[in-house]
């Protein structure tokens, strides 16, 4: 896998408004890091996003093979 693809889950995206009006779920901060930064740190892989069309230009999806992960999932060593 070249990178991790963090996708927005429509069933929780609405519950996180207004935060998710301007960013994908994985770009929300949990403490000092965003969920995406936590994934990068714990996995050692780059992340990309699959989000709403109007956000996709600012939060691009990288080409190539990727492992798709729910963007609202908080990473941990136990999970990996």
PDB file of N, CA and C in Angstrom:
ATOM      1  N   UNK A   1       0.831  -1.175   0.000  1.00  0.00           N
ATOM      2  CA  UNK A   1       0.000   0.000   0.000  1.00  0.00           C
ATOM      3  C   UNK A   1       0.880   1.243   0.000  1.00  0.00           C
ATOM      4  N   UNK A   2       0.636   2.117  -0.932  1.00  0.00           N
ATOM      5  CA  UNK A   2       1.402   3.357  -1.016  1.00  0.00           C
ATOM      6  C   UNK A   2       0.926   4.393  -0.006  1.00  0.00           C
ATOM      7  N   UNK A   3      -0.395   4.469   0.200  1.00  0.00           N
ATOM      8  CA  UNK A   3      -0.915   5.459   1.141  1.00  0.00           C
ATOM      9  C   UNK A   3      -2.226   4.989   1.746  1.00  0.00           C
ATOM     10  N   UNK A   4      -2.720   5.773   2.679  1.00  0.00           N
ATOM     11  CA  UNK A   4      -4.002   5.504   3.316  1.00  0.00           C
ATOM     12  C   UNK A   4      -5.025   6.487   2.766  1.00  0.00           C
ATOM     13  N   UNK A   5      -6.193   5.997   2.406  1.00  0.00           N
ATOM     14  CA  UNK A   5      -7.273   6.837   1.901  1.00  0.00           C
ATOM     15  C   UNK A   5      -8.309   6.972   3.010  1.00  0.00           C
ATOM     16  N   UNK A   6      -8.407   8.161   3.585  1.00  0.00           N
ATOM     17  CA  UNK A   6      -9.357   8.415   4.664  1.00  0.00           C
ATOM     18  C   UNK A   6     -10.635   8.979   4.053  1.00  0.00           C
ATOM     19  N   UNK A   7     -11.724   8.217   4.149  1.00  0.00           N
ATOM     20  CA  UNK A   7     -12.977   8.635   3.519  1.00  0.00           C
ATOM     21  C   UNK A   7     -13.965   9.152   4.560  1.00  0.00           C
ATOM     22  N   UNK A   8     -14.833  10.051   4.116  1.00  0.00           N
ATOM     23  CA  UNK A   8     -15.882  10.596   4.974  1.00  0.00           C
ATOM     24  C   UNK A   8     -17.067   9.641   4.991  1.00  0.00           C
ATOM     25  N   UNK A   9     -17.474   9.236   6.175  1.00  0.00           N
ATOM     26  CA  UNK A   9     -18.641   8.380   6.362  1.00  0.00           C
ATOM     27  C   UNK A   9     -19.878   9.280   6.422  1.00  0.00           C
ATOM     28  N   UNK A  10     -20.787   9.167   5.449  1.00  0.00           N
ATOM     29  CA  UNK A  10     -21.954  10.053   5.425  1.00  0.00           C
ATOM     30  C   UNK A  10     -22.834   9.935   6.669  1.00  0.00           C
ATOM     31  N   UNK A  11     -22.804   8.785   7.331  1.00  0.00           N
ATOM     32  CA  UNK A  11     -23.657   8.611   8.507  1.00  0.00           C
ATOM     33  C   UNK A  11     -23.167   9.406   9.717  1.00  0.00           C
ATOM     34  N   UNK A  12     -21.883   9.798   9.746  1.00  0.00           N
ATOM     35  CA  UNK A  12     -21.402  10.613  10.869  1.00  0.00           C
ATOM     36  C   UNK A  12     -21.022  12.031  10.452  1.00  0.00           C
ATOM     37  N   UNK A  13     -20.870  12.265   9.165  1.00  0.00           N
ATOM     38  CA  UNK A  13     -20.482  13.601   8.687  1.00  0.00           C
ATOM     39  C   UNK A  13     -21.471  14.669   9.136  1.00  0.00           C
ATOM     40  N   UNK A  14     -22.748  14.412   9.007  1.00  0.00           N
ATOM     41  CA  UNK A  14     -23.773  15.382   9.404  1.00  0.00           C
ATOM     42  C   UNK A  14     -23.771  15.677  10.890  1.00  0.00           C
ATOM     43  N   UNK A  15     -23.433  14.690  11.692  1.00  0.00           N
ATOM     44  CA  UNK A  15     -23.394  14.877  13.145  1.00  0.00           C
ATOM     45  C   UNK A  15     -22.223  15.756  13.574  1.00  0.00           C
ATOM     46  N   UNK A  16     -21.235  15.926  12.706  1.00  0.00           N
ATOM     47  CA  UNK A  16     -20.048  16.711  13.039  1.00  0.00           C
ATOM     48  C   UNK A  16     -20.080  18.126  12.453  1.00  0.00           C
ATOM     49  N   UNK A  17     -21.217  18.512  11.893  1.00  0.00           N
ATOM     50  CA  UNK A  17     -21.368  19.887  11.417  1.00  0.00           C
ATOM     51  C   UNK A  17     -21.361  20.818  12.624  1.00  0.00           C
ATOM     52  N   UNK A  18     -20.828  22.000  12.559  1.00  0.00           N
ATOM     53  CA  UNK A  18     -20.326  22.715  11.402  1.00  0.00           C
ATOM     54  C   UNK A  18     -18.857  22.436  11.078  1.00  0.00           C
ATOM     55  N   UNK A  19     -18.164  21.619  11.872  1.00  0.00           N
ATOM     56  CA  UNK A  19     -16.744  21.343  11.613  1.00  0.00           C
ATOM     57  C   UNK A  19     -16.510  20.801  10.207  1.00  0.00           C
ATOM     58  N   UNK A  20     -17.402  19.939   9.733  1.00  0.00           N
ATOM     59  CA  UNK A  20     -17.195  19.273   8.450  1.00  0.00           C
ATOM     60  C   UNK A  20     -17.677  20.088   7.245  1.00  0.00           C
ATOM     61  N   UNK A  21     -18.136  21.309   7.470  1.00  0.00           N
ATOM     62  CA  UNK A  21     -18.438  22.187   6.330  1.00  0.00           C
ATOM     63  C   UNK A  21     -17.163  22.574   5.600  1.00  0.00           C
ATOM     64  N   UNK A  22     -16.056  22.691   6.324  1.00  0.00           N
ATOM     65  CA  UNK A  22     -14.823  23.221   5.735  1.00  0.00           C
ATOM     66  C   UNK A  22     -13.666  22.237   5.695  1.00  0.00           C
ATOM     67  N   UNK A  23     -13.896  21.006   6.138  1.00  0.00           N
ATOM     68  CA  UNK A  23     -12.802  20.025   6.144  1.00  0.00           C
ATOM     69  C   UNK A  23     -13.375  18.611   6.195  1.00  0.00           C
ATOM     70  N   UNK A  24     -12.594  17.629   5.750  1.00  0.00           N
ATOM     71  CA  UNK A  24     -13.011  16.237   5.902  1.00  0.00           C
ATOM     72  C   UNK A  24     -13.005  15.850   7.384  1.00  0.00           C
ATOM     73  N   UNK A  25     -13.681  14.785   7.710  1.00  0.00           N
ATOM     74  CA  UNK A  25     -13.714  14.305   9.093  1.00  0.00           C
ATOM     75  C   UNK A  25     -12.300  14.081   9.616  1.00  0.00           C
ATOM     76  N   UNK A  26     -11.433  13.496   8.812  1.00  0.00           N
ATOM     77  CA  UNK A  26     -10.070  13.173   9.251  1.00  0.00           C
ATOM     78  C   UNK A  26      -9.201  14.405   9.469  1.00  0.00           C
ATOM     79  N   UNK A  27      -9.656  15.581   9.055  1.00  0.00           N
ATOM     80  CA  UNK A  27      -8.894  16.813   9.269  1.00  0.00           C
ATOM     81  C   UNK A  27      -9.321  17.541  10.541  1.00  0.00           C
ATOM     82  N   UNK A  28     -10.216  16.933  11.315  1.00  0.00           N
ATOM     83  CA  UNK A  28     -10.628  17.501  12.598  1.00  0.00           C
ATOM     84  C   UNK A  28      -9.555  17.183  13.636  1.00  0.00           C
ATOM     85  N   UNK A  29      -9.266  18.158  14.478  1.00  0.00           N
ATOM     86  CA  UNK A  29      -8.254  17.972  15.525  1.00  0.00           C
ATOM     87  C   UNK A  29      -8.828  17.213  16.714  1.00  0.00           C
ATOM     88  N   UNK A  30      -8.044  16.252  17.175  1.00  0.00           N
ATOM     89  CA  UNK A  30      -8.311  15.535  18.416  1.00  0.00           C
ATOM     90  C   UNK A  30      -7.068  15.777  19.260  1.00  0.00           C
ATOM     91  N   UNK A  31      -7.108  16.780  20.124  1.00  0.00           N
ATOM     92  CA  UNK A  31      -5.900  17.182  20.834  1.00  0.00           C
ATOM     93  C   UNK A  31      -5.050  18.050  19.924  1.00  0.00           C
ATOM     94  N   UNK A  32      -3.753  17.801  19.919  1.00  0.00           N
ATOM     95  CA  UNK A  32      -2.836  18.638  19.137  1.00  0.00           C
ATOM     96  C   UNK A  32      -2.769  18.214  17.663  1.00  0.00           C
ATOM     97  N   UNK A  33      -3.100  16.962  17.358  1.00  0.00           N
ATOM     98  CA  UNK A  33      -3.008  16.431  15.990  1.00  0.00           C
ATOM     99  C   UNK A  33      -4.389  16.210  15.391  1.00  0.00           C
ATOM    100  N   UNK A  34      -4.447  16.256  14.054  1.00  0.00           N
ATOM    101  CA  UNK A  34      -5.675  15.856  13.371  1.00  0.00           C
ATOM    102  C   UNK A  34      -5.720  14.327  13.325  1.00  0.00           C
ATOM    103  N   UNK A  35      -6.879  13.791  13.011  1.00  0.00           N
ATOM    104  CA  UNK A  35      -7.001  12.335  12.870  1.00  0.00           C
ATOM    105  C   UNK A  35      -6.039  11.850  11.788  1.00  0.00           C
ATOM    106  N   UNK A  36      -5.941  12.589  10.679  1.00  0.00           N
ATOM    107  CA  UNK A  36      -5.033  12.211   9.587  1.00  0.00           C
ATOM    108  C   UNK A  36      -3.580  12.210  10.054  1.00  0.00           C
ATOM    109  N   UNK A  37      -3.182  13.224  10.823  1.00  0.00           N
ATOM    110  CA  UNK A  37      -1.808  13.276  11.332  1.00  0.00           C
ATOM    111  C   UNK A  37      -1.523  12.106  12.269  1.00  0.00           C
ATOM    112  N   UNK A  38      -2.517  11.707  13.038  1.00  0.00           N
ATOM    113  CA  UNK A  38      -2.354  10.541  13.913  1.00  0.00           C
ATOM    114  C   UNK A  38      -2.133   9.275  13.080  1.00  0.00           C
ATOM    115  N   UNK A  39      -2.900   9.135  11.966  1.00  0.00           N
ATOM    116  CA  UNK A  39      -2.721   7.984  11.079  1.00  0.00           C
ATOM    117  C   UNK A  39      -1.329   7.986  10.459  1.00  0.00           C
ATOM    118  N   UNK A  40      -0.859   9.153  10.007  1.00  0.00           N
ATOM    119  CA  UNK A  40       0.486   9.239   9.416  1.00  0.00           C
ATOM    120  C   UNK A  40       1.555   8.847  10.426  1.00  0.00           C
ATOM    121  N   UNK A  41       1.412   9.325  11.639  1.00  0.00           N
ATOM    122  CA  UNK A  41       2.405   9.059  12.680  1.00  0.00           C
ATOM    123  C   UNK A  41       2.435   7.579  13.065  1.00  0.00           C
ATOM    124  N   UNK A  42       1.283   6.976  13.233  1.00  0.00           N
ATOM    125  CA  UNK A  42       1.224   5.592  13.708  1.00  0.00           C
ATOM    126  C   UNK A  42       1.537   4.576  12.606  1.00  0.00           C
ATOM    127  N   UNK A  43       1.202   4.916  11.339  1.00  0.00           N
ATOM    128  CA  UNK A  43       1.401   3.959  10.242  1.00  0.00           C
ATOM    129  C   UNK A  43       2.689   4.193   9.459  1.00  0.00           C
ATOM    130  N   UNK A  44       3.199   5.418   9.491  1.00  0.00           N
ATOM    131  CA  UNK A  44       4.372   5.756   8.690  1.00  0.00           C
ATOM    132  C   UNK A  44       4.052   5.922   7.215  1.00  0.00           C
ATOM    133  N   UNK A  45       2.766   6.024   6.868  1.00  0.00           N
ATOM    134  CA  UNK A  45       2.335   6.188   5.477  1.00  0.00           C
ATOM    135  C   UNK A  45       1.670   7.550   5.293  1.00  0.00           C
ATOM    136  N   UNK A  46       1.683   8.020   4.038  1.00  0.00           N
ATOM    137  CA  UNK A  46       0.989   9.260   3.708  1.00  0.00           C
ATOM    138  C   UNK A  46      -0.509   9.001   3.646  1.00  0.00           C
ATOM    139  N   UNK A  47      -1.290  10.041   3.936  1.00  0.00           N
ATOM    140  CA  UNK A  47      -2.737   9.920   3.833  1.00  0.00           C
ATOM    141  C   UNK A  47      -3.251  10.810   2.713  1.00  0.00           C
ATOM    142  N   UNK A  48      -4.380  10.413   2.166  1.00  0.00           N
ATOM    143  CA  UNK A  48      -5.122  11.261   1.243  1.00  0.00           C
ATOM    144  C   UNK A  48      -6.588  11.149   1.635  1.00  0.00           C
ATOM    145  N   UNK A  49      -7.421  11.952   0.999  1.00  0.00           N
ATOM    146  CA  UNK A  49      -8.806  12.086   1.440  1.00  0.00           C
ATOM    147  C   UNK A  49      -9.793  11.774   0.320  1.00  0.00           C
ATOM    148  N   UNK A  50     -10.908  11.193   0.697  1.00  0.00           N
ATOM    149  CA  UNK A  50     -12.064  11.046  -0.182  1.00  0.00           C
ATOM    150  C   UNK A  50     -13.209  11.724   0.552  1.00  0.00           C
ATOM    151  N   UNK A  51     -13.566  12.914   0.086  1.00  0.00           N
ATOM    152  CA  UNK A  51     -14.520  13.751   0.805  1.00  0.00           C
ATOM    153  C   UNK A  51     -15.534  14.346  -0.162  1.00  0.00           C
ATOM    154  N   UNK A  52     -16.264  15.340   0.281  1.00  0.00           N
ATOM    155  CA  UNK A  52     -17.254  16.013  -0.551  1.00  0.00           C
ATOM    156  C   UNK A  52     -16.573  16.654  -1.757  1.00  0.00           C
ATOM    157  N   UNK A  53     -17.293  16.725  -2.875  1.00  0.00           N
ATOM    158  CA  UNK A  53     -16.723  17.275  -4.111  1.00  0.00           C
ATOM    159  C   UNK A  53     -16.141  18.676  -3.916  1.00  0.00           C
ATOM    160  N   UNK A  54     -16.842  19.536  -3.179  1.00  0.00           N
ATOM    161  CA  UNK A  54     -16.373  20.915  -3.030  1.00  0.00           C
ATOM    162  C   UNK A  54     -15.124  21.025  -2.148  1.00  0.00           C
ATOM    163  N   UNK A  55     -14.793  19.993  -1.389  1.00  0.00           N
ATOM    164  CA  UNK A  55     -13.585  19.983  -0.555  1.00  0.00           C
ATOM    165  C   UNK A  55     -12.426  19.232  -1.206  1.00  0.00           C
ATOM    166  N   UNK A  56     -12.715  18.458  -2.233  1.00  0.00           N
ATOM    167  CA  UNK A  56     -11.716  17.549  -2.797  1.00  0.00           C
ATOM    168  C   UNK A  56     -10.499  18.272  -3.376  1.00  0.00           C
ATOM    169  N   UNK A  57     -10.666  19.482  -3.899  1.00  0.00           N
ATOM    170  CA  UNK A  57      -9.519  20.209  -4.451  1.00  0.00           C
ATOM    171  C   UNK A  57      -8.528  20.603  -3.351  1.00  0.00           C
ATOM    172  N   UNK A  58      -9.035  21.033  -2.214  1.00  0.00           N
ATOM    173  CA  UNK A  58      -8.165  21.433  -1.096  1.00  0.00           C
ATOM    174  C   UNK A  58      -7.586  20.217  -0.373  1.00  0.00           C
ATOM    175  N   UNK A  59      -8.331  19.128  -0.340  1.00  0.00           N
ATOM    176  CA  UNK A  59      -7.905  17.887   0.315  1.00  0.00           C
ATOM    177  C   UNK A  59      -7.871  16.782  -0.744  1.00  0.00           C
ATOM    178  N   UNK A  60      -6.798  16.718  -1.525  1.00  0.00           N
ATOM    179  CA  UNK A  60      -6.768  15.823  -2.689  1.00  0.00           C
ATOM    180  C   UNK A  60      -6.635  14.339  -2.339  1.00  0.00           C
ATOM    181  N   UNK A  61      -7.038  13.557  -3.309  1.00  0.00           N
ATOM    182  CA  UNK A  61      -6.869  12.106  -3.240  1.00  0.00           C
ATOM    183  C   UNK A  61      -5.645  11.762  -4.075  1.00  0.00           C
ATOM    184  N   UNK A  62      -4.705  11.039  -3.490  1.00  0.00           N
ATOM    185  CA  UNK A  62      -3.500  10.639  -4.217  1.00  0.00           C
ATOM    186  C   UNK A  62      -3.810   9.426  -5.082  1.00  0.00           C
ATOM    187  N   UNK A  63      -3.135   9.355  -6.208  1.00  0.00           N
ATOM    188  CA  UNK A  63      -3.294   8.225  -7.123  1.00  0.00           C
ATOM    189  C   UNK A  63      -2.509   7.025  -6.604  1.00  0.00           C
ATOM    190  N   UNK A  64      -2.886   5.857  -7.057  1.00  0.00           N
ATOM    191  CA  UNK A  64      -2.168   4.645  -6.692  1.00  0.00           C
ATOM    192  C   UNK A  64      -2.935   3.811  -5.686  1.00  0.00           C
ATOM    193  N   UNK A  65      -2.331   2.694  -5.340  1.00  0.00           N
ATOM    194  CA  UNK A  65      -2.953   1.767  -4.397  1.00  0.00           C
ATOM    195  C   UNK A  65      -3.060   2.406  -3.020  1.00  0.00           C
ATOM    196  N   UNK A  66      -4.199   2.178  -2.370  1.00  0.00           N
ATOM    197  CA  UNK A  66      -4.416   2.762  -1.047  1.00  0.00           C
ATOM    198  C   UNK A  66      -5.320   1.854  -0.226  1.00  0.00           C
ATOM    199  N   UNK A  67      -5.125   1.901   1.062  1.00  0.00           N
ATOM    200  CA  UNK A  67      -5.998   1.211   2.001  1.00  0.00           C
ATOM    201  C   UNK A  67      -7.054   2.212   2.444  1.00  0.00           C
ATOM    202  N   UNK A  68      -8.334   1.919   2.191  1.00  0.00           N
ATOM    203  CA  UNK A  68      -9.422   2.831   2.548  1.00  0.00           C
ATOM    204  C   UNK A  68      -9.802   2.636   4.014  1.00  0.00           C
ATOM    205  N   UNK A  69      -9.832   3.741   4.751  1.00  0.00           N
ATOM    206  CA  UNK A  69     -10.142   3.723   6.178  1.00  0.00           C
ATOM    207  C   UNK A  69     -11.168   4.814   6.457  1.00  0.00           C
ATOM    208  N   UNK A  70     -12.147   4.506   7.292  1.00  0.00           N
ATOM    209  CA  UNK A  70     -13.131   5.491   7.712  1.00  0.00           C
ATOM    210  C   UNK A  70     -12.399   6.651   8.381  1.00  0.00           C
ATOM    211  N   UNK A  71     -12.603   7.864   7.900  1.00  0.00           N
ATOM    212  CA  UNK A  71     -11.910   9.038   8.409  1.00  0.00           C
ATOM    213  C   UNK A  71     -12.226   9.383   9.848  1.00  0.00           C
ATOM    214  N   UNK A  72     -13.287   8.839  10.401  1.00  0.00           N
ATOM    215  CA  UNK A  72     -13.643   9.093  11.792  1.00  0.00           C
ATOM    216  C   UNK A  72     -13.032   8.106  12.763  1.00  0.00           C
ATOM    217  N   UNK A  73     -12.306   7.137  12.252  1.00  0.00           N
ATOM    218  CA  UNK A  73     -11.695   6.110  13.101  1.00  0.00           C
ATOM    219  C   UNK A  73     -10.381   6.633  13.672  1.00  0.00           C
ATOM    220  N   UNK A  74     -10.266   6.632  14.999  1.00  0.00           N
ATOM    221  CA  UNK A  74      -9.050   7.108  15.662  1.00  0.00           C
ATOM    222  C   UNK A  74      -8.056   5.950  15.717  1.00  0.00           C
ATOM    223  N   UNK A  75      -6.833   6.142  15.202  1.00  0.00           N
ATOM    224  CA  UNK A  75      -5.861   5.041  15.180  1.00  0.00           C
ATOM    225  C   UNK A  75      -5.268   4.758  16.559  1.00  0.00           C
ATOM    226  N   UNK A  76      -4.885   3.499  16.740  1.00  0.00           N
ATOM    227  CA  UNK A  76      -4.177   3.092  17.957  1.00  0.00           C
ATOM    228  C   UNK A  76      -3.303   1.888  17.617  1.00  0.00           C
ATOM    229  N   UNK A  77      -2.345   1.598  18.461  1.00  0.00           N
ATOM    230  CA  UNK A  77      -1.482   0.431  18.252  1.00  0.00           C
ATOM    231  C   UNK A  77      -2.305  -0.856  18.285  1.00  0.00           C
ATOM    232  N   UNK A  78      -3.314  -0.919  19.151  1.00  0.00           N
ATOM    233  CA  UNK A  78      -4.168  -2.108  19.229  1.00  0.00           C
ATOM    234  C   UNK A  78      -4.929  -2.337  17.928  1.00  0.00           C
ATOM    235  N   UNK A  79      -5.325  -1.259  17.280  1.00  0.00           N
ATOM    236  CA  UNK A  79      -6.060  -1.357  16.018  1.00  0.00           C
ATOM    237  C   UNK A  79      -5.183  -1.908  14.907  1.00  0.00           C
ATOM    238  N   UNK A  80      -3.918  -1.498  14.889  1.00  0.00           N
ATOM    239  CA  UNK A  80      -3.007  -1.957  13.843  1.00  0.00           C
ATOM    240  C   UNK A  80      -2.585  -3.371  14.123  1.00  0.00           C
TER     241      UNK A  80
END
